[in-house]
Amino acid sequence: MTTPAQTDGPPTAGPPNIFDGARRVARLRRSAARLHQADFLHDRAALGAVDSLEAIMRDFAVAVDLSAHPGPFAGRLSDSQAASRIGSLVAAGHDAADPGARPLGLAAGSSDLIVSLMTLHWANDLPGALSQIRRALRPDGLFIGTLLGAATLKELRAVLTEAELAERGGAQARVSPFADGYDGAALLQRAGFALPVSDVDRVTVRYPDLFALVRDLRAMGETNQLAGIVRPLTRGIIMRAAALYAERFGDADGRIPATFEIVNLAGWAPHESQQKPLARGSAKTRLADALNVRELKGG
């Protein structure tokens, strides 16, 4: 008599569905014609990416831009000396519902350079998206990316939660759970990148009031895209949140600050020519000598 095949446990669940794909596409489409009104974050990210490319003296025959808004990078690149070292730049139009939830449409080992600016913070599966990017790179190909980090809109998150609790007795998440920027290098390493580098750039923007901040977020396509039913905010909640923002965070001149945290990522597809860490036990200098420390003899 045969018995059913046994498994080691329940089936492995996929990544959580944090963001709503259709909502994401709708926000991006509405923002396409208005990004120029509030493109300072995208322009800052693009400038940083181009500065990095200017410092890397090598050619990239095939480059792909996976940014949801590719315009800022293309514009900055066109004014840069690095442009002459990039054979072609393809804007893949990867404004999909969820970067990482489906194949990028790039063949394995097909690209020398992949750029993704201000997009990956909407990925339901960020490690999966980075792994797809790494597979699409040729050996020794370069990835440069930026995404919003955990401190982004911390003031807005606090006042919306407090206002909704006061008005309704309960609060719904209104601001995305952004990734911790200090985990960037570990995420790249997990995805298979070599020589991973990550740093965090914090930007504080001052606004006349909460409503001006929200206008900029809409122009960027960065308003709420969380999955599930979104209960509309009432006028009472919005007005209370605006008052709390001014009271808790307002400057002496009446303006309010908004924090944005840009996480910069860079990593290379592995290649045998890349620098490798020294094998254990192969060091030529003793640690005590390197640190100029006088050792004490035990007796």
C-alpha atoms as a PDB file:
ATOM      1  CA  MET A   1       0.000   0.000   0.000  1.00  0.00           C
ATOM      2  CA  THR A   2       1.319   3.439  -0.892  1.00  0.00           C
ATOM      3  CA  THR A   3       1.022   6.506   1.259  1.00  0.00           C
ATOM      4  CA  PRO A   4       0.715  10.122   0.164  1.00  0.00           C
ATOM      5  CA  ALA A   5       3.965  11.967  -0.336  1.00  0.00           C
ATOM      6  CA  GLN A   6       5.071  13.773   2.796  1.00  0.00           C
ATOM      7  CA  THR A   7       6.255  17.358   2.872  1.00  0.00           C
ATOM      8  CA  ASP A   8       8.523  19.029   5.350  1.00  0.00           C
ATOM      9  CA  GLY A   9       5.954  21.654   6.193  1.00  0.00           C
ATOM     10  CA  PRO A  10       3.377  24.043   4.749  1.00  0.00           C
ATOM     11  CA  PRO A  11       4.033  25.496   1.288  1.00  0.00           C
ATOM     12  CA  THR A  12       6.283  28.514   1.235  1.00  0.00           C
ATOM     13  CA  ALA A  13       4.291  31.730   1.069  1.00  0.00           C
ATOM     14  CA  GLY A  14       5.215  34.392  -1.442  1.00  0.00           C
ATOM     15  CA  PRO A  15       6.080  37.965  -0.483  1.00  0.00           C
ATOM     16  CA  PRO A  16       3.305  39.908   1.280  1.00  0.00           C
ATOM     17  CA  ASN A  17       1.097  42.015  -0.941  1.00  0.00           C
ATOM     18  CA  ILE A  18       1.875  45.391   0.617  1.00  0.00           C
ATOM     19  CA  PHE A  19       1.108  47.623  -2.363  1.00  0.00           C
ATOM     20  CA  ASP A  20      -1.814  47.714  -4.785  1.00  0.00           C
ATOM     21  CA  GLY A  21      -0.579  47.366  -8.368  1.00  0.00           C
ATOM     22  CA  ALA A  22      -3.517  49.035 -10.086  1.00  0.00           C
ATOM     23  CA  ARG A  23      -3.388  51.902  -7.628  1.00  0.00           C
ATOM     24  CA  ARG A  24       0.315  52.323  -8.325  1.00  0.00           C
ATOM     25  CA  VAL A  25      -0.177  52.522 -12.099  1.00  0.00           C
ATOM     26  CA  ALA A  26      -3.024  55.033 -11.684  1.00  0.00           C
ATOM     27  CA  ARG A  27      -0.923  57.292  -9.432  1.00  0.00           C
ATOM     28  CA  LEU A  28       2.001  57.217 -11.867  1.00  0.00           C
ATOM     29  CA  ARG A  29      -0.148  57.993 -14.896  1.00  0.00           C
ATOM     30  CA  ARG A  30      -1.756  60.947 -13.150  1.00  0.00           C
ATOM     31  CA  SER A  31       1.633  62.282 -12.066  1.00  0.00           C
ATOM     32  CA  ALA A  32       3.369  61.959 -15.455  1.00  0.00           C
ATOM     33  CA  ALA A  33       2.363  65.419 -16.652  1.00  0.00           C
ATOM     34  CA  ARG A  34       2.937  67.063 -13.260  1.00  0.00           C
ATOM     35  CA  LEU A  35       6.296  65.665 -12.175  1.00  0.00           C
ATOM     36  CA  HIS A  36       8.069  68.835 -13.345  1.00  0.00           C
ATOM     37  CA  GLN A  37       6.201  70.704 -10.599  1.00  0.00           C
ATOM     38  CA  ALA A  38       7.921  68.641  -7.887  1.00  0.00           C
ATOM     39  CA  ASP A  39      10.846  66.782  -9.425  1.00  0.00           C
ATOM     40  CA  PHE A  40      13.467  67.868  -6.869  1.00  0.00           C
ATOM     41  CA  LEU A  41      13.878  64.384  -5.343  1.00  0.00           C
ATOM     42  CA  HIS A  42      14.040  62.646  -8.715  1.00  0.00           C
ATOM     43  CA  ASP A  43      16.507  65.253  -9.973  1.00  0.00           C
ATOM     44  CA  ARG A  44      18.662  64.837  -6.855  1.00  0.00           C
ATOM     45  CA  ALA A  45      18.695  61.058  -7.313  1.00  0.00           C
ATOM     46  CA  ALA A  46      19.516  61.428 -11.021  1.00  0.00           C
ATOM     47  CA  LEU A  47      22.348  63.847 -10.305  1.00  0.00           C
ATOM     48  CA  GLY A  48      23.840  61.435  -7.769  1.00  0.00           C
ATOM     49  CA  ALA A  49      23.656  58.529 -10.229  1.00  0.00           C
ATOM     50  CA  VAL A  50      25.326  60.557 -12.988  1.00  0.00           C
ATOM     51  CA  ASP A  51      28.032  61.759 -10.594  1.00  0.00           C
ATOM     52  CA  SER A  52      28.796  58.104  -9.802  1.00  0.00           C
ATOM     53  CA  LEU A  53      29.029  57.250 -13.494  1.00  0.00           C
ATOM     54  CA  GLU A  54      31.379  60.167 -14.140  1.00  0.00           C
ATOM     55  CA  ALA A  55      33.759  58.716 -11.550  1.00  0.00           C
ATOM     56  CA  ILE A  56      33.778  55.257 -13.189  1.00  0.00           C
ATOM     57  CA  MET A  57      36.041  55.449 -16.220  1.00  0.00           C
ATOM     58  CA  ARG A  58      34.652  52.640 -18.329  1.00  0.00           C
ATOM     59  CA  ASP A  59      32.188  52.122 -21.166  1.00  0.00           C
ATOM     60  CA  PHE A  60      28.678  50.662 -20.864  1.00  0.00           C
ATOM     61  CA  ALA A  61      27.530  49.465 -24.270  1.00  0.00           C
ATOM     62  CA  VAL A  62      23.954  48.651 -23.227  1.00  0.00           C
ATOM     63  CA  ALA A  63      22.245  50.634 -20.452  1.00  0.00           C
ATOM     64  CA  VAL A  64      18.678  50.244 -19.200  1.00  0.00           C
ATOM     65  CA  ASP A  65      16.698  52.713 -17.091  1.00  0.00           C
ATOM     66  CA  LEU A  66      14.045  50.984 -14.973  1.00  0.00           C
ATOM     67  CA  SER A  67      12.914  54.179 -13.260  1.00  0.00           C
ATOM     68  CA  ALA A  68       9.175  54.780 -13.193  1.00  0.00           C
ATOM     69  CA  HIS A  69       9.980  58.377 -14.218  1.00  0.00           C
ATOM     70  CA  PRO A  70      13.040  58.021 -16.505  1.00  0.00           C
ATOM     71  CA  GLY A  71      13.161  61.654 -17.630  1.00  0.00           C
ATOM     72  CA  PRO A  72      15.343  63.128 -14.844  1.00  0.00           C
ATOM     73  CA  PHE A  73      18.141  60.597 -15.331  1.00  0.00           C
ATOM     74  CA  ALA A  74      18.149  60.926 -19.121  1.00  0.00           C
ATOM     75  CA  GLY A  75      18.263  64.706 -18.815  1.00  0.00           C
ATOM     76  CA  ARG A  76      21.132  64.750 -16.337  1.00  0.00           C
ATOM     77  CA  LEU A  77      23.047  62.154 -18.333  1.00  0.00           C
ATOM     78  CA  SER A  78      22.753  64.122 -21.565  1.00  0.00           C
ATOM     79  CA  ASP A  79      24.580  67.049 -19.927  1.00  0.00           C
ATOM     80  CA  SER A  80      27.316  64.810 -18.513  1.00  0.00           C
ATOM     81  CA  GLN A  81      30.701  63.652 -19.776  1.00  0.00           C
ATOM     82  CA  ALA A  82      29.599  60.115 -18.888  1.00  0.00           C
ATOM     83  CA  ALA A  83      27.111  60.160 -21.767  1.00  0.00           C
ATOM     84  CA  SER A  84      29.891  59.507 -24.297  1.00  0.00           C
ATOM     85  CA  ARG A  85      30.705  56.219 -22.542  1.00  0.00           C
ATOM     86  CA  ILE A  86      27.162  54.839 -22.735  1.00  0.00           C
ATOM     87  CA  GLY A  87      26.374  53.302 -26.089  1.00  0.00           C
ATOM     88  CA  SER A  88      22.596  53.350 -25.764  1.00  0.00           C
ATOM     89  CA  LEU A  89      20.108  54.090 -23.004  1.00  0.00           C
ATOM     90  CA  VAL A  90      16.825  52.191 -23.110  1.00  0.00           C
ATOM     91  CA  ALA A  91      13.988  53.465 -20.920  1.00  0.00           C
ATOM     92  CA  ALA A  92      12.207  50.217 -20.175  1.00  0.00           C
ATOM     93  CA  GLY A  93       9.084  51.961 -18.958  1.00  0.00           C
ATOM     94  CA  HIS A  94       9.049  49.757 -15.900  1.00  0.00           C
ATOM     95  CA  ASP A  95       6.194  51.531 -14.163  1.00  0.00           C
ATOM     96  CA  ALA A  96       4.556  48.170 -13.538  1.00  0.00           C
ATOM     97  CA  ALA A  97       2.242  47.530 -10.653  1.00  0.00           C
ATOM     98  CA  ASP A  98       5.004  45.947  -8.626  1.00  0.00           C
ATOM     99  CA  PRO A  99       8.659  45.940  -9.664  1.00  0.00           C
ATOM    100  CA  GLY A 100       9.863  42.467  -8.809  1.00  0.00           C
ATOM    101  CA  ALA A 101       6.488  40.722  -8.928  1.00  0.00           C
ATOM    102  CA  ARG A 102       6.940  39.731 -12.577  1.00  0.00           C
ATOM    103  CA  PRO A 103       9.941  39.360 -14.916  1.00  0.00           C
ATOM    104  CA  LEU A 104      11.506  42.639 -15.958  1.00  0.00           C
ATOM    105  CA  GLY A 105      11.453  41.612 -19.598  1.00  0.00           C
ATOM    106  CA  LEU A 106      15.259  41.679 -19.763  1.00  0.00           C
ATOM    107  CA  ALA A 107      17.188  38.642 -20.895  1.00  0.00           C
ATOM    108  CA  ALA A 108      19.745  37.228 -18.506  1.00  0.00           C
ATOM    109  CA  GLY A 109      23.152  38.826 -18.989  1.00  0.00           C
ATOM    110  CA  SER A 110      21.851  41.360 -21.502  1.00  0.00           C
ATOM    111  CA  SER A 111      22.826  44.697 -19.927  1.00  0.00           C
ATOM    112  CA  ASP A 112      26.050  46.423 -18.927  1.00  0.00           C
ATOM    113  CA  LEU A 113      24.356  49.064 -16.779  1.00  0.00           C
ATOM    114  CA  ILE A 114      20.951  49.121 -15.077  1.00  0.00           C
ATOM    115  CA  VAL A 115      19.595  52.192 -13.304  1.00  0.00           C
ATOM    116  CA  SER A 116      16.458  52.312 -11.137  1.00  0.00           C
ATOM    117  CA  LEU A 117      15.718  55.636  -9.462  1.00  0.00           C
ATOM    118  CA  MET A 118      12.926  56.363  -6.982  1.00  0.00           C
ATOM    119  CA  THR A 119      10.967  53.234  -7.877  1.00  0.00           C
ATOM    120  CA  LEU A 120      12.047  50.172  -5.878  1.00  0.00           C
ATOM    121  CA  HIS A 121      10.458  51.347  -2.620  1.00  0.00           C
ATOM    122  CA  TRP A 122       7.136  50.254  -4.159  1.00  0.00           C
ATOM    123  CA  ALA A 123       8.290  46.653  -4.684  1.00  0.00           C
ATOM    124  CA  ASN A 124       6.362  44.014  -2.765  1.00  0.00           C
ATOM    125  CA  ASP A 125       9.446  41.813  -3.087  1.00  0.00           C
ATOM    126  CA  LEU A 126      12.493  44.076  -2.963  1.00  0.00           C
ATOM    127  CA  PRO A 127      15.053  41.240  -2.680  1.00  0.00           C
ATOM    128  CA  GLY A 128      13.364  39.538  -5.651  1.00  0.00           C
ATOM    129  CA  ALA A 129      13.488  42.723  -7.731  1.00  0.00           C
ATOM    130  CA  LEU A 130      17.188  43.181  -6.985  1.00  0.00           C
ATOM    131  CA  SER A 131      17.869  39.546  -7.875  1.00  0.00           C
ATOM    132  CA  GLN A 132      16.165  40.011 -11.255  1.00  0.00           C
ATOM    133  CA  ILE A 133      18.278  43.086 -11.922  1.00  0.00           C
ATOM    134  CA  ARG A 134      21.473  41.241 -11.028  1.00  0.00           C
ATOM    135  CA  ARG A 135      20.578  38.360 -13.377  1.00  0.00           C
ATOM    136  CA  ALA A 136      19.939  40.810 -16.228  1.00  0.00           C
ATOM    137  CA  LEU A 137      23.451  42.239 -15.924  1.00  0.00           C
ATOM    138  CA  ARG A 138      26.425  40.884 -17.801  1.00  0.00           C
ATOM    139  CA  PRO A 139      29.378  39.790 -15.657  1.00  0.00           C
ATOM    140  CA  ASP A 140      30.982  42.926 -14.191  1.00  0.00           C
ATOM    141  CA  GLY A 141      27.878  44.930 -15.095  1.00  0.00           C
ATOM    142  CA  LEU A 142      26.832  47.785 -12.806  1.00  0.00           C
ATOM    143  CA  PHE A 143      23.582  48.547 -10.988  1.00  0.00           C
ATOM    144  CA  ILE A 144      22.829  52.005  -9.590  1.00  0.00           C
ATOM    145  CA  GLY A 145      19.592  52.566  -7.719  1.00  0.00           C
ATOM    146  CA  THR A 146      17.794  54.812  -5.264  1.00  0.00           C
ATOM    147  CA  LEU A 147      14.711  54.270  -3.143  1.00  0.00           C
ATOM    148  CA  LEU A 148      13.005  56.082  -0.300  1.00  0.00           C
ATOM    149  CA  GLY A 149      14.085  55.012   3.185  1.00  0.00           C
ATOM    150  CA  ALA A 150      12.407  54.540   6.545  1.00  0.00           C
ATOM    151  CA  ALA A 151      12.630  58.139   7.799  1.00  0.00           C
ATOM    152  CA  THR A 152      10.728  59.464   4.782  1.00  0.00           C
ATOM    153  CA  LEU A 153       7.646  61.502   5.765  1.00  0.00           C
ATOM    154  CA  LYS A 154       8.034  60.598   9.433  1.00  0.00           C
ATOM    155  CA  GLU A 155       6.284  63.820  10.431  1.00  0.00           C
ATOM    156  CA  LEU A 156       3.309  63.176   8.152  1.00  0.00           C
ATOM    157  CA  ARG A 157       2.995  59.596   9.366  1.00  0.00           C
ATOM    158  CA  ALA A 158       2.853  60.749  13.009  1.00  0.00           C
ATOM    159  CA  VAL A 159       0.231  63.475  12.600  1.00  0.00           C
ATOM    160  CA  LEU A 160      -2.076  61.456  10.338  1.00  0.00           C
ATOM    161  CA  THR A 161      -2.074  58.562  12.814  1.00  0.00           C
ATOM    162  CA  GLU A 162      -2.754  60.815  15.791  1.00  0.00           C
ATOM    163  CA  ALA A 163      -5.485  62.774  14.004  1.00  0.00           C
ATOM    164  CA  GLU A 164      -7.302  59.664  12.797  1.00  0.00           C
ATOM    165  CA  LEU A 165      -7.119  58.057  16.242  1.00  0.00           C
ATOM    166  CA  ALA A 166      -8.635  61.169  17.779  1.00  0.00           C
ATOM    167  CA  GLU A 167     -11.435  61.489  15.197  1.00  0.00           C
ATOM    168  CA  ARG A 168     -12.291  57.811  14.657  1.00  0.00           C
ATOM    169  CA  GLY A 169     -10.845  55.923  17.585  1.00  0.00           C
ATOM    170  CA  GLY A 170      -8.686  53.900  15.191  1.00  0.00           C
ATOM    171  CA  ALA A 171      -6.109  54.607  12.504  1.00  0.00           C
ATOM    172  CA  GLN A 172      -5.237  53.088   9.136  1.00  0.00           C
ATOM    173  CA  ALA A 173      -1.733  53.061   7.651  1.00  0.00           C
ATOM    174  CA  ARG A 174      -1.415  56.047   5.319  1.00  0.00           C
ATOM    175  CA  VAL A 175       2.341  56.238   4.637  1.00  0.00           C
ATOM    176  CA  SER A 176       4.332  53.364   3.139  1.00  0.00           C
ATOM    177  CA  PRO A 177       6.560  51.167   5.341  1.00  0.00           C
ATOM    178  CA  PHE A 178       9.821  52.137   3.634  1.00  0.00           C
ATOM    179  CA  ALA A 179      12.920  49.956   3.966  1.00  0.00           C
ATOM    180  CA  ASP A 180      15.647  50.758   6.463  1.00  0.00           C
ATOM    181  CA  GLY A 181      18.330  52.550   4.477  1.00  0.00           C
ATOM    182  CA  TYR A 182      21.127  51.057   6.534  1.00  0.00           C
ATOM    183  CA  ASP A 183      20.226  47.574   5.272  1.00  0.00           C
ATOM    184  CA  GLY A 184      20.982  48.529   1.651  1.00  0.00           C
ATOM    185  CA  ALA A 185      24.362  46.833   1.292  1.00  0.00           C
ATOM    186  CA  ALA A 186      23.027  43.654   2.917  1.00  0.00           C
ATOM    187  CA  LEU A 187      20.091  43.599   0.478  1.00  0.00           C
ATOM    188  CA  LEU A 188      22.458  43.886  -2.474  1.00  0.00           C
ATOM    189  CA  GLN A 189      24.679  41.131  -1.125  1.00  0.00           C
ATOM    190  CA  ARG A 190      21.663  38.887  -0.582  1.00  0.00           C
ATOM    191  CA  ALA A 191      20.655  39.456  -4.220  1.00  0.00           C
ATOM    192  CA  GLY A 192      24.088  38.266  -5.391  1.00  0.00           C
ATOM    193  CA  PHE A 193      25.823  41.577  -6.085  1.00  0.00           C
ATOM    194  CA  ALA A 194      29.547  41.941  -5.589  1.00  0.00           C
ATOM    195  CA  LEU A 195      31.186  45.002  -3.999  1.00  0.00           C
ATOM    196  CA  PRO A 196      27.862  46.379  -2.678  1.00  0.00           C
ATOM    197  CA  VAL A 197      27.742  50.010  -1.558  1.00  0.00           C
ATOM    198  CA  SER A 198      24.919  51.883   0.166  1.00  0.00           C
ATOM    199  CA  ASP A 199      24.538  55.303   1.749  1.00  0.00           C
ATOM    200  CA  VAL A 200      21.692  57.467   2.986  1.00  0.00           C
ATOM    201  CA  ASP A 201      20.938  61.046   1.910  1.00  0.00           C
ATOM    202  CA  ARG A 202      18.439  62.901   4.116  1.00  0.00           C
ATOM    203  CA  VAL A 203      16.653  65.899   2.678  1.00  0.00           C
ATOM    204  CA  THR A 204      14.399  68.285   4.610  1.00  0.00           C
ATOM    205  CA  VAL A 205      11.941  70.307   2.530  1.00  0.00           C
ATOM    206  CA  ARG A 206       9.970  73.170   4.079  1.00  0.00           C
ATOM    207  CA  TYR A 207       6.358  73.816   3.059  1.00  0.00           C
ATOM    208  CA  PRO A 208       3.776  76.512   3.831  1.00  0.00           C
ATOM    209  CA  ASP A 209       1.396  73.849   5.140  1.00  0.00           C
ATOM    210  CA  LEU A 210       0.313  70.209   4.918  1.00  0.00           C
ATOM    211  CA  PHE A 211      -1.699  70.831   1.760  1.00  0.00           C
ATOM    212  CA  ALA A 212       1.344  72.059  -0.185  1.00  0.00           C
ATOM    213  CA  LEU A 213       3.211  68.892   0.838  1.00  0.00           C
ATOM    214  CA  VAL A 214       0.362  66.698  -0.395  1.00  0.00           C
ATOM    215  CA  ARG A 215       0.304  68.540  -3.743  1.00  0.00           C
ATOM    216  CA  ASP A 216       3.979  67.720  -4.249  1.00  0.00           C
ATOM    217  CA  LEU A 217       3.441  64.065  -3.301  1.00  0.00           C
ATOM    218  CA  ARG A 218       0.652  63.812  -5.883  1.00  0.00           C
ATOM    219  CA  ALA A 219       2.854  65.423  -8.555  1.00  0.00           C
ATOM    220  CA  MET A 220       5.544  62.814  -7.809  1.00  0.00           C
ATOM    221  CA  GLY A 221       3.073  59.902  -7.829  1.00  0.00           C
ATOM    222  CA  GLU A 222       4.070  59.153  -4.236  1.00  0.00           C
ATOM    223  CA  THR A 223       0.694  59.204  -2.479  1.00  0.00           C
ATOM    224  CA  ASN A 224      -0.836  56.176  -0.729  1.00  0.00           C
ATOM    225  CA  GLN A 225      -0.540  52.950  -2.757  1.00  0.00           C
ATOM    226  CA  LEU A 226      -0.990  50.448   0.064  1.00  0.00           C
ATOM    227  CA  ALA A 227      -3.083  47.381  -0.728  1.00  0.00           C
ATOM    228  CA  GLY A 228      -6.556  46.880   0.670  1.00  0.00           C
ATOM    229  CA  ILE A 229      -9.572  49.099   1.179  1.00  0.00           C
ATOM    230  CA  VAL A 230      -8.571  52.693   1.907  1.00  0.00           C
ATOM    231  CA  ARG A 231     -11.041  54.511   4.099  1.00  0.00           C
ATOM    232  CA  PRO A 232     -11.197  58.151   2.923  1.00  0.00           C
ATOM    233  CA  LEU A 233      -9.950  60.811   5.280  1.00  0.00           C
ATOM    234  CA  THR A 234     -12.638  63.159   6.503  1.00  0.00           C
ATOM    235  CA  ARG A 235     -12.293  66.926   6.519  1.00  0.00           C
ATOM    236  CA  GLY A 236     -12.084  66.787  10.313  1.00  0.00           C
ATOM    237  CA  ILE A 237      -9.109  64.381  10.213  1.00  0.00           C
ATOM    238  CA  ILE A 238      -7.292  66.431   7.602  1.00  0.00           C
ATOM    239  CA  MET A 239      -7.755  69.715   9.445  1.00  0.00           C
ATOM    240  CA  ARG A 240      -6.687  68.173  12.752  1.00  0.00           C
ATOM    241  CA  ALA A 241      -3.600  66.658  11.077  1.00  0.00           C
ATOM    242  CA  ALA A 242      -2.699  70.037   9.550  1.00  0.00           C
ATOM    243  CA  ALA A 243      -3.002  71.735  12.945  1.00  0.00           C
ATOM    244  CA  LEU A 244      -0.943  69.009  14.651  1.00  0.00           C
ATOM    245  CA  TYR A 245       1.760  69.271  11.980  1.00  0.00           C
ATOM    246  CA  ALA A 246       2.107  73.019  12.519  1.00  0.00           C
ATOM    247  CA  GLU A 247       2.026  72.641  16.316  1.00  0.00           C
ATOM    248  CA  ARG A 248       4.483  69.728  16.638  1.00  0.00           C
ATOM    249  CA  PHE A 249       6.913  70.426  13.825  1.00  0.00           C
ATOM    250  CA  GLY A 250       6.311  73.976  12.599  1.00  0.00           C
ATOM    251  CA  ASP A 251       9.188  76.465  12.338  1.00  0.00           C
ATOM    252  CA  ALA A 252       9.125  79.969  13.789  1.00  0.00           C
ATOM    253  CA  ASP A 253       8.033  81.386  10.421  1.00  0.00           C
ATOM    254  CA  GLY A 254       5.031  79.027  10.273  1.00  0.00           C
ATOM    255  CA  ARG A 255       6.435  76.668   7.658  1.00  0.00           C
ATOM    256  CA  ILE A 256       6.562  72.919   8.240  1.00  0.00           C
ATOM    257  CA  PRO A 257       9.441  70.488   7.501  1.00  0.00           C
ATOM    258  CA  ALA A 258       9.064  67.214   5.594  1.00  0.00           C
ATOM    259  CA  THR A 259      11.838  64.624   5.790  1.00  0.00           C
ATOM    260  CA  PHE A 260      12.797  62.551   2.760  1.00  0.00           C
ATOM    261  CA  GLU A 261      15.430  59.835   3.023  1.00  0.00           C
ATOM    262  CA  ILE A 262      17.037  58.743  -0.243  1.00  0.00           C
ATOM    263  CA  VAL A 263      18.863  55.404  -0.079  1.00  0.00           C
ATOM    264  CA  ASN A 264      21.608  55.159  -2.710  1.00  0.00           C
ATOM    265  CA  LEU A 265      22.602  51.672  -3.869  1.00  0.00           C
ATOM    266  CA  ALA A 266      25.363  50.405  -6.146  1.00  0.00           C
ATOM    267  CA  GLY A 267      26.599  46.906  -6.880  1.00  0.00           C
ATOM    268  CA  TRP A 268      28.309  44.849  -9.584  1.00  0.00           C
ATOM    269  CA  ALA A 269      27.422  41.551 -11.181  1.00  0.00           C
ATOM    270  CA  PRO A 270      30.168  39.133 -10.068  1.00  0.00           C
ATOM    271  CA  HIS A 271      33.214  38.674 -12.295  1.00  0.00           C
ATOM    272  CA  GLU A 272      36.523  36.925 -11.747  1.00  0.00           C
ATOM    273  CA  SER A 273      38.464  40.162 -12.338  1.00  0.00           C
ATOM    274  CA  GLN A 274      36.933  41.887  -9.336  1.00  0.00           C
ATOM    275  CA  GLN A 275      38.801  42.447  -6.115  1.00  0.00           C
ATOM    276  CA  LYS A 276      38.399  39.528  -3.722  1.00  0.00           C
ATOM    277  CA  PRO A 277      38.811  39.483   0.050  1.00  0.00           C
ATOM    278  CA  LEU A 278      42.042  37.883   1.227  1.00  0.00           C
ATOM    279  CA  ALA A 279      41.830  34.212   2.131  1.00  0.00           C
ATOM    280  CA  ARG A 280      41.800  33.463   5.832  1.00  0.00           C
ATOM    281  CA  GLY A 281      45.358  33.172   7.164  1.00  0.00           C
ATOM    282  CA  SER A 282      46.989  34.858   4.145  1.00  0.00           C
ATOM    283  CA  ALA A 283      47.682  38.233   5.764  1.00  0.00           C
ATOM    284  CA  LYS A 284      51.317  39.364   5.576  1.00  0.00           C
ATOM    285  CA  THR A 285      51.105  41.725   8.562  1.00  0.00           C
ATOM    286  CA  ARG A 286      50.179  40.835  12.126  1.00  0.00           C
ATOM    287  CA  LEU A 287      47.195  42.741  13.540  1.00  0.00           C
ATOM    288  CA  ALA A 288      49.297  43.936  16.494  1.00  0.00           C
ATOM    289  CA  ASP A 289      51.845  45.455  14.096  1.00  0.00           C
ATOM    290  CA  ALA A 290      49.167  47.101  11.934  1.00  0.00           C
ATOM    291  CA  LEU A 291      47.634  48.730  15.004  1.00  0.00           C
ATOM    292  CA  ASN A 292      51.033  49.608  16.492  1.00  0.00           C
ATOM    293  CA  VAL A 293      50.165  47.717  19.669  1.00  0.00           C
ATOM    294  CA  ARG A 294      52.815  46.354  22.055  1.00  0.00           C
ATOM    295  CA  GLU A 295      51.968  42.762  22.940  1.00  0.00           C
ATOM    296  CA  LEU A 296      52.253  41.524  26.512  1.00  0.00           C
ATOM    297  CA  LYS A 297      53.895  38.115  26.927  1.00  0.00           C
ATOM    298  CA  GLY A 298      52.037  35.636  29.100  1.00  0.00           C
ATOM    299  CA  GLY A 299      54.100  33.751  31.682  1.00  0.00           C
END
